[in-house]
Amino acid sequence: MKTTAKDIFASVWKIREGGPVVHNITNYVAMNNSANALLAIGASPVMAHAEEEVEAMVGIASALVVNIGTLSGPWIRAMFQAVHTARARGIPIVLDPVGAGATPYRTRTAVELMRAAPPSLIRGNASEILAVAGEQGGTRGVDSTAASTGAVAAARNLNRDFGSTVCISGETDFVVWGDGVLRVGNGHILMTRVTALGCTASALCGAFAAVEPSIPVATAHAMAVMGIAGEMAAEGADGPGSLQVRLLDALYRLSEKDIERRLKIEAD
């Protein structure tokens, strides 16, 4: 699969013109970051997790993003309701198994969600991908202690078992599906000093999946945009605080020339 700056910006333009509703059941830490990033790129975020309304909210969405970062019984029940409704409607489902491998509770929850309604995309760091694939992986809280390159085989297994595209985030991001692997080399080390940017990337994947019929294409475009915006934000940032503000500005003003100048993407 060949991906160009023109292709990526065409996806960005579809989001800006269409303003797709992206329903996020996400964690307390990520809500503000994810909602603002979706707004900045041109999507319409909804952050709703109440069992009483979640099915109705999925009913008006163009994509569903489920993030297990801060779990509780009622939220888990809402997640299952949401994925069943999304699957019945045929809209994309993005699962972010935050912290999988850290505790049996969250690993089991992620795997049960995958079995209940196989996601269109599973996006996580290497440790999380290894954990939901049933393999040994080091996790420190919600941070990975494994390199993204070490989880490609596990991602292939997940794709085989669930039919899901898998994205492994890290210094290099990998998008894995069928016989295909794409490597996205964009990003900046300062991004690792801001909490919930991985969760934000998952939210952006939902926005791109809402406008692109190919999930591997949508994922590659979203991860490239997230990384490029991070690079733009890091230029002139004094630290992680100003990076957050500049990241939103970069997503808002992203142009085709920005993408063309910075894009680092290649197929294995």
Protein backbone atom coordinates (compact mmCIF):
# COMPACT_ATOMS: atom_id res chain seq x y z
CA MET A 1 0.00 0.00 0.00
CA LYS A 2 1.49 3.32 -1.07
CA THR A 3 0.65 6.36 1.01
CA THR A 4 1.48 9.90 -0.11
CA ALA A 5 1.15 13.34 1.42
CA LYS A 6 -1.64 14.06 -1.07
CA ASP A 7 -3.55 10.97 0.08
CA ILE A 8 -3.18 11.88 3.74
CA PHE A 9 -4.26 15.47 3.26
CA ALA A 10 -7.27 14.26 1.26
CA SER A 11 -8.32 12.34 4.38
CA VAL A 12 -7.78 15.43 6.53
CA TRP A 13 -9.94 17.43 4.13
CA LYS A 14 -12.72 14.84 4.33
CA ILE A 15 -12.72 15.19 8.11
CA ARG A 16 -12.73 18.99 7.95
CA GLU A 17 -15.56 19.06 5.44
CA GLY A 18 -17.67 16.27 6.92
CA GLY A 19 -17.12 16.79 10.64
CA PRO A 20 -17.79 13.12 11.53
CA VAL A 21 -19.12 12.37 15.00
CA VAL A 22 -16.60 10.22 16.87
CA HIS A 23 -17.99 8.61 20.02
CA ASN A 24 -15.32 8.05 22.66
CA ILE A 25 -15.68 5.93 25.75
CA THR A 26 -12.33 6.90 27.15
CA ASN A 27 -10.56 7.60 30.40
CA TYR A 28 -10.56 10.63 32.68
CA VAL A 29 -6.95 11.49 31.85
CA ALA A 30 -7.51 11.47 28.08
CA MET A 31 -10.93 13.08 27.69
CA ASN A 32 -9.85 16.69 27.33
CA ASN A 33 -6.83 15.94 25.12
CA SER A 34 -8.77 13.65 22.81
CA ALA A 35 -11.82 15.89 22.47
CA ASN A 36 -9.72 18.97 21.68
CA ALA A 37 -7.56 17.08 19.17
CA LEU A 38 -10.67 15.82 17.38
CA LEU A 39 -12.06 19.33 17.25
CA ALA A 40 -8.75 20.71 15.99
CA ILE A 41 -8.60 18.23 13.10
CA GLY A 42 -12.24 18.96 12.22
CA ALA A 43 -14.19 16.08 13.75
CA SER A 44 -17.05 16.25 16.25
CA PRO A 45 -16.22 14.49 19.53
CA VAL A 46 -18.68 12.90 21.92
CA MET A 47 -17.40 11.64 25.28
CA ALA A 48 -20.28 9.61 26.71
CA HIS A 49 -20.14 6.50 28.87
CA ALA A 50 -23.47 6.29 30.73
CA GLU A 51 -25.17 2.94 30.22
CA GLU A 52 -28.50 4.73 29.86
CA GLU A 53 -27.51 6.58 26.67
CA VAL A 54 -24.51 4.86 25.17
CA GLU A 55 -26.45 2.85 22.57
CA ALA A 56 -28.31 5.95 21.40
CA MET A 57 -25.05 7.88 21.18
CA VAL A 58 -23.42 5.18 19.06
CA GLY A 59 -26.50 5.45 16.87
CA ILE A 60 -25.52 8.95 15.74
CA ALA A 61 -21.76 8.33 15.47
CA SER A 62 -19.60 7.58 12.45
CA ALA A 63 -16.96 5.75 14.53
CA LEU A 64 -16.56 4.38 18.06
CA VAL A 65 -13.35 4.58 20.12
CA VAL A 66 -13.18 2.43 23.26
CA ASN A 67 -10.31 3.15 25.65
CA ILE A 68 -9.96 1.09 28.86
CA GLY A 69 -7.63 3.47 30.70
CA THR A 70 -9.80 4.02 33.79
CA LEU A 71 -12.03 1.02 34.30
CA SER A 72 -15.09 0.45 36.46
CA GLY A 73 -17.99 -1.98 36.33
CA PRO A 74 -20.54 0.46 34.85
CA TRP A 75 -18.07 1.70 32.25
CA ILE A 76 -17.25 -1.85 31.17
CA ARG A 77 -20.94 -2.66 30.76
CA ALA A 78 -21.34 0.48 28.66
CA MET A 79 -18.36 -0.54 26.53
CA PHE A 80 -19.97 -3.88 25.72
CA GLN A 81 -23.26 -2.19 24.85
CA ALA A 82 -21.41 0.26 22.62
CA VAL A 83 -19.35 -2.28 20.68
CA HIS A 84 -22.39 -4.49 20.06
CA THR A 85 -24.34 -1.49 18.75
CA ALA A 86 -21.44 -0.28 16.61
CA ARG A 87 -20.96 -3.72 15.12
CA ALA A 88 -24.68 -3.99 14.32
CA ARG A 89 -24.53 -0.58 12.62
CA GLY A 90 -21.36 -1.42 10.72
CA ILE A 91 -19.36 1.59 11.91
CA PRO A 92 -15.62 1.30 12.69
CA ILE A 93 -14.57 0.29 16.21
CA VAL A 94 -11.17 1.36 17.58
CA LEU A 95 -10.00 -0.40 20.74
CA ASP A 96 -7.18 1.05 22.85
CA PRO A 97 -6.23 -1.58 25.48
CA VAL A 98 -4.53 0.91 27.80
CA GLY A 99 -2.38 -0.80 30.41
CA ALA A 100 -3.20 -4.32 29.27
CA GLY A 101 -0.68 -6.60 30.94
CA ALA A 102 -0.46 -4.43 34.06
CA THR A 103 -3.33 -6.23 35.82
CA PRO A 104 -5.41 -9.32 34.98
CA TYR A 105 -8.58 -7.20 35.24
CA ARG A 106 -7.75 -4.87 32.38
CA THR A 107 -6.14 -7.55 30.23
CA ARG A 108 -9.23 -9.73 30.59
CA THR A 109 -11.54 -6.80 29.85
CA ALA A 110 -9.70 -5.95 26.63
CA VAL A 111 -9.70 -9.55 25.42
CA GLU A 112 -13.38 -10.03 26.23
CA LEU A 113 -14.25 -6.86 24.32
CA MET A 114 -12.26 -8.14 21.34
CA ARG A 115 -14.10 -11.44 21.43
CA ALA A 116 -17.52 -9.83 21.84
CA ALA A 117 -17.12 -7.54 18.81
CA PRO A 118 -13.80 -7.82 16.95
CA PRO A 119 -12.51 -4.25 16.53
CA SER A 120 -11.74 -2.68 13.19
CA LEU A 121 -8.49 -1.47 14.78
CA ILE A 122 -6.54 -2.41 17.90
CA ARG A 123 -4.10 0.41 18.74
CA GLY A 124 -1.67 0.24 21.62
CA ASN A 125 1.96 0.24 22.64
CA ALA A 126 4.09 -2.88 22.28
CA SER A 127 3.46 -4.19 25.79
CA GLU A 128 -0.29 -3.79 25.41
CA ILE A 129 -0.33 -5.56 22.04
CA LEU A 130 1.77 -8.42 23.44
CA ALA A 131 -0.57 -8.72 26.43
CA VAL A 132 -3.84 -8.91 24.48
CA ALA A 133 -2.19 -11.43 22.14
CA GLY A 134 -1.49 -13.62 25.17
CA GLU A 135 2.27 -13.15 25.08
CA GLN A 136 4.72 -12.01 27.72
CA GLY A 137 5.36 -8.29 27.63
CA GLY A 138 6.71 -5.81 30.13
CA THR A 139 4.36 -3.07 31.33
CA ARG A 140 5.17 -0.28 33.78
CA GLY A 141 1.79 1.17 34.71
CA VAL A 142 0.40 2.12 31.31
CA ASP A 143 3.83 2.60 29.72
CA SER A 144 5.53 0.05 27.50
CA THR A 145 8.82 -1.58 28.40
CA ALA A 146 8.97 -3.32 25.01
CA ALA A 147 9.98 -1.86 21.65
CA SER A 148 7.35 -1.62 18.93
CA THR A 149 9.45 -3.85 16.65
CA GLY A 150 9.08 -6.68 19.17
CA ALA A 151 5.31 -6.84 18.86
CA VAL A 152 4.89 -7.20 15.08
CA ALA A 153 4.52 -11.00 15.25
CA ALA A 154 1.92 -10.64 18.01
CA ALA A 155 0.08 -8.08 15.87
CA ARG A 156 -0.01 -10.56 13.00
CA ASN A 157 -1.52 -13.14 15.32
CA LEU A 158 -4.20 -10.71 16.44
CA ASN A 159 -5.01 -9.88 12.83
CA ARG A 160 -5.30 -13.59 12.05
CA ASP A 161 -7.52 -14.32 15.07
CA PHE A 162 -9.80 -11.26 14.98
CA GLY A 163 -9.44 -9.80 11.50
CA SER A 164 -8.46 -6.48 13.08
CA THR A 165 -5.89 -4.07 11.76
CA VAL A 166 -3.30 -3.60 14.52
CA CYS A 167 -1.27 -0.47 15.22
CA ILE A 168 1.76 -0.64 17.50
CA SER A 169 2.90 2.78 18.68
CA GLY A 170 6.45 3.59 19.67
CA GLU A 171 9.53 5.34 18.35
CA THR A 172 8.41 3.81 15.06
CA ASP A 173 4.70 3.07 14.65
CA PHE A 174 3.73 -0.14 12.87
CA VAL A 175 0.43 -0.71 11.07
CA VAL A 176 -0.16 -4.43 10.54
CA TRP A 177 -2.89 -6.14 8.52
CA GLY A 178 -3.04 -9.34 6.49
CA ASP A 179 0.29 -9.55 4.68
CA GLY A 180 0.91 -5.82 4.97
CA VAL A 181 3.11 -3.82 7.32
CA LEU A 182 3.65 -0.05 7.22
CA ARG A 183 6.18 1.81 9.33
CA VAL A 184 5.51 5.41 10.33
CA GLY A 185 8.59 7.22 11.59
CA ASN A 186 7.07 10.57 12.50
CA GLY A 187 6.93 11.95 16.03
CA HIS A 188 9.12 13.64 18.64
CA ILE A 189 10.63 12.43 21.92
CA LEU A 190 8.93 15.29 23.81
CA MET A 191 5.57 13.68 23.08
CA THR A 192 6.45 10.94 25.58
CA ARG A 193 6.40 13.59 28.33
CA VAL A 194 2.73 14.42 27.81
CA THR A 195 0.14 12.05 29.20
CA ALA A 196 -2.64 10.61 27.02
CA LEU A 197 -1.12 11.38 23.62
CA GLY A 198 -1.39 7.69 22.77
CA CYS A 199 -5.06 7.87 23.67
CA THR A 200 -5.32 10.96 21.50
CA ALA A 201 -3.81 9.02 18.59
CA SER A 202 -6.54 6.39 19.02
CA ALA A 203 -9.19 9.11 18.91
CA LEU A 204 -7.69 10.47 15.69
CA CYS A 205 -7.71 6.94 14.26
CA GLY A 206 -11.47 6.97 14.88
CA ALA A 207 -11.85 10.22 12.94
CA PHE A 208 -9.87 8.93 9.97
CA ALA A 209 -11.69 5.57 10.04
CA ALA A 210 -14.97 7.50 9.84
CA VAL A 211 -14.00 8.91 6.42
CA GLU A 212 -11.80 6.18 4.93
CA PRO A 213 -13.25 2.75 4.06
CA SER A 214 -9.85 1.06 4.40
CA ILE A 215 -8.87 0.73 8.07
CA PRO A 216 -5.14 0.23 7.31
CA VAL A 217 -5.22 3.42 5.22
CA ALA A 218 -7.11 5.33 7.90
CA THR A 219 -4.70 4.16 10.60
CA ALA A 220 -1.57 5.02 8.64
CA HIS A 221 -2.95 8.46 7.85
CA ALA A 222 -3.93 9.14 11.47
CA MET A 223 -0.58 8.05 12.90
CA ALA A 224 1.34 10.08 10.33
CA VAL A 225 -0.74 13.17 11.11
CA MET A 226 -0.30 12.68 14.86
CA GLY A 227 3.46 12.32 14.49
CA ILE A 228 3.85 15.24 12.11
CA ALA A 229 1.75 17.49 14.34
CA GLY A 230 3.96 16.45 17.25
CA GLU A 231 7.08 17.40 15.33
CA MET A 232 5.61 20.77 14.40
CA ALA A 233 4.53 21.36 18.00
CA ALA A 234 7.96 20.50 19.38
CA GLU A 235 9.62 23.22 17.31
CA GLY A 236 9.78 26.18 19.62
CA ALA A 237 8.07 24.41 22.55
CA ASP A 238 9.66 25.14 25.92
CA GLY A 239 8.59 21.79 27.31
CA PRO A 240 5.65 19.39 27.57
CA GLY A 241 3.22 22.10 28.69
CA SER A 242 3.61 24.28 25.63
CA LEU A 243 3.81 21.17 23.42
CA GLN A 244 0.20 20.35 24.29
CA VAL A 245 -1.05 23.74 23.16
CA ARG A 246 1.10 23.78 20.05
CA LEU A 247 -0.06 20.26 19.10
CA LEU A 248 -3.67 21.43 18.87
CA ASP A 249 -2.59 24.41 16.76
CA ALA A 250 -0.57 22.12 14.48
CA LEU A 251 -3.54 19.81 13.91
CA TYR A 252 -5.75 22.82 13.20
CA ARG A 253 -3.44 24.43 10.64
CA LEU A 254 -1.94 21.26 9.11
CA SER A 255 -1.38 21.64 5.36
CA GLU A 256 -0.45 19.30 2.54
CA LYS A 257 2.95 20.98 2.38
CA ASP A 258 3.55 20.25 6.08
CA ILE A 259 2.83 16.59 5.45
CA GLU A 260 4.89 16.43 2.25
CA ARG A 261 7.88 18.04 3.95
CA ARG A 262 7.89 15.71 6.97
CA LEU A 263 6.25 12.40 6.02
CA LYS A 264 8.26 9.32 7.01
CA ILE A 265 6.30 6.25 5.99
CA GLU A 266 7.38 3.07 4.26
CA ALA A 267 6.19 -0.47 3.66
CA ASP A 268 8.11 -3.48 4.94
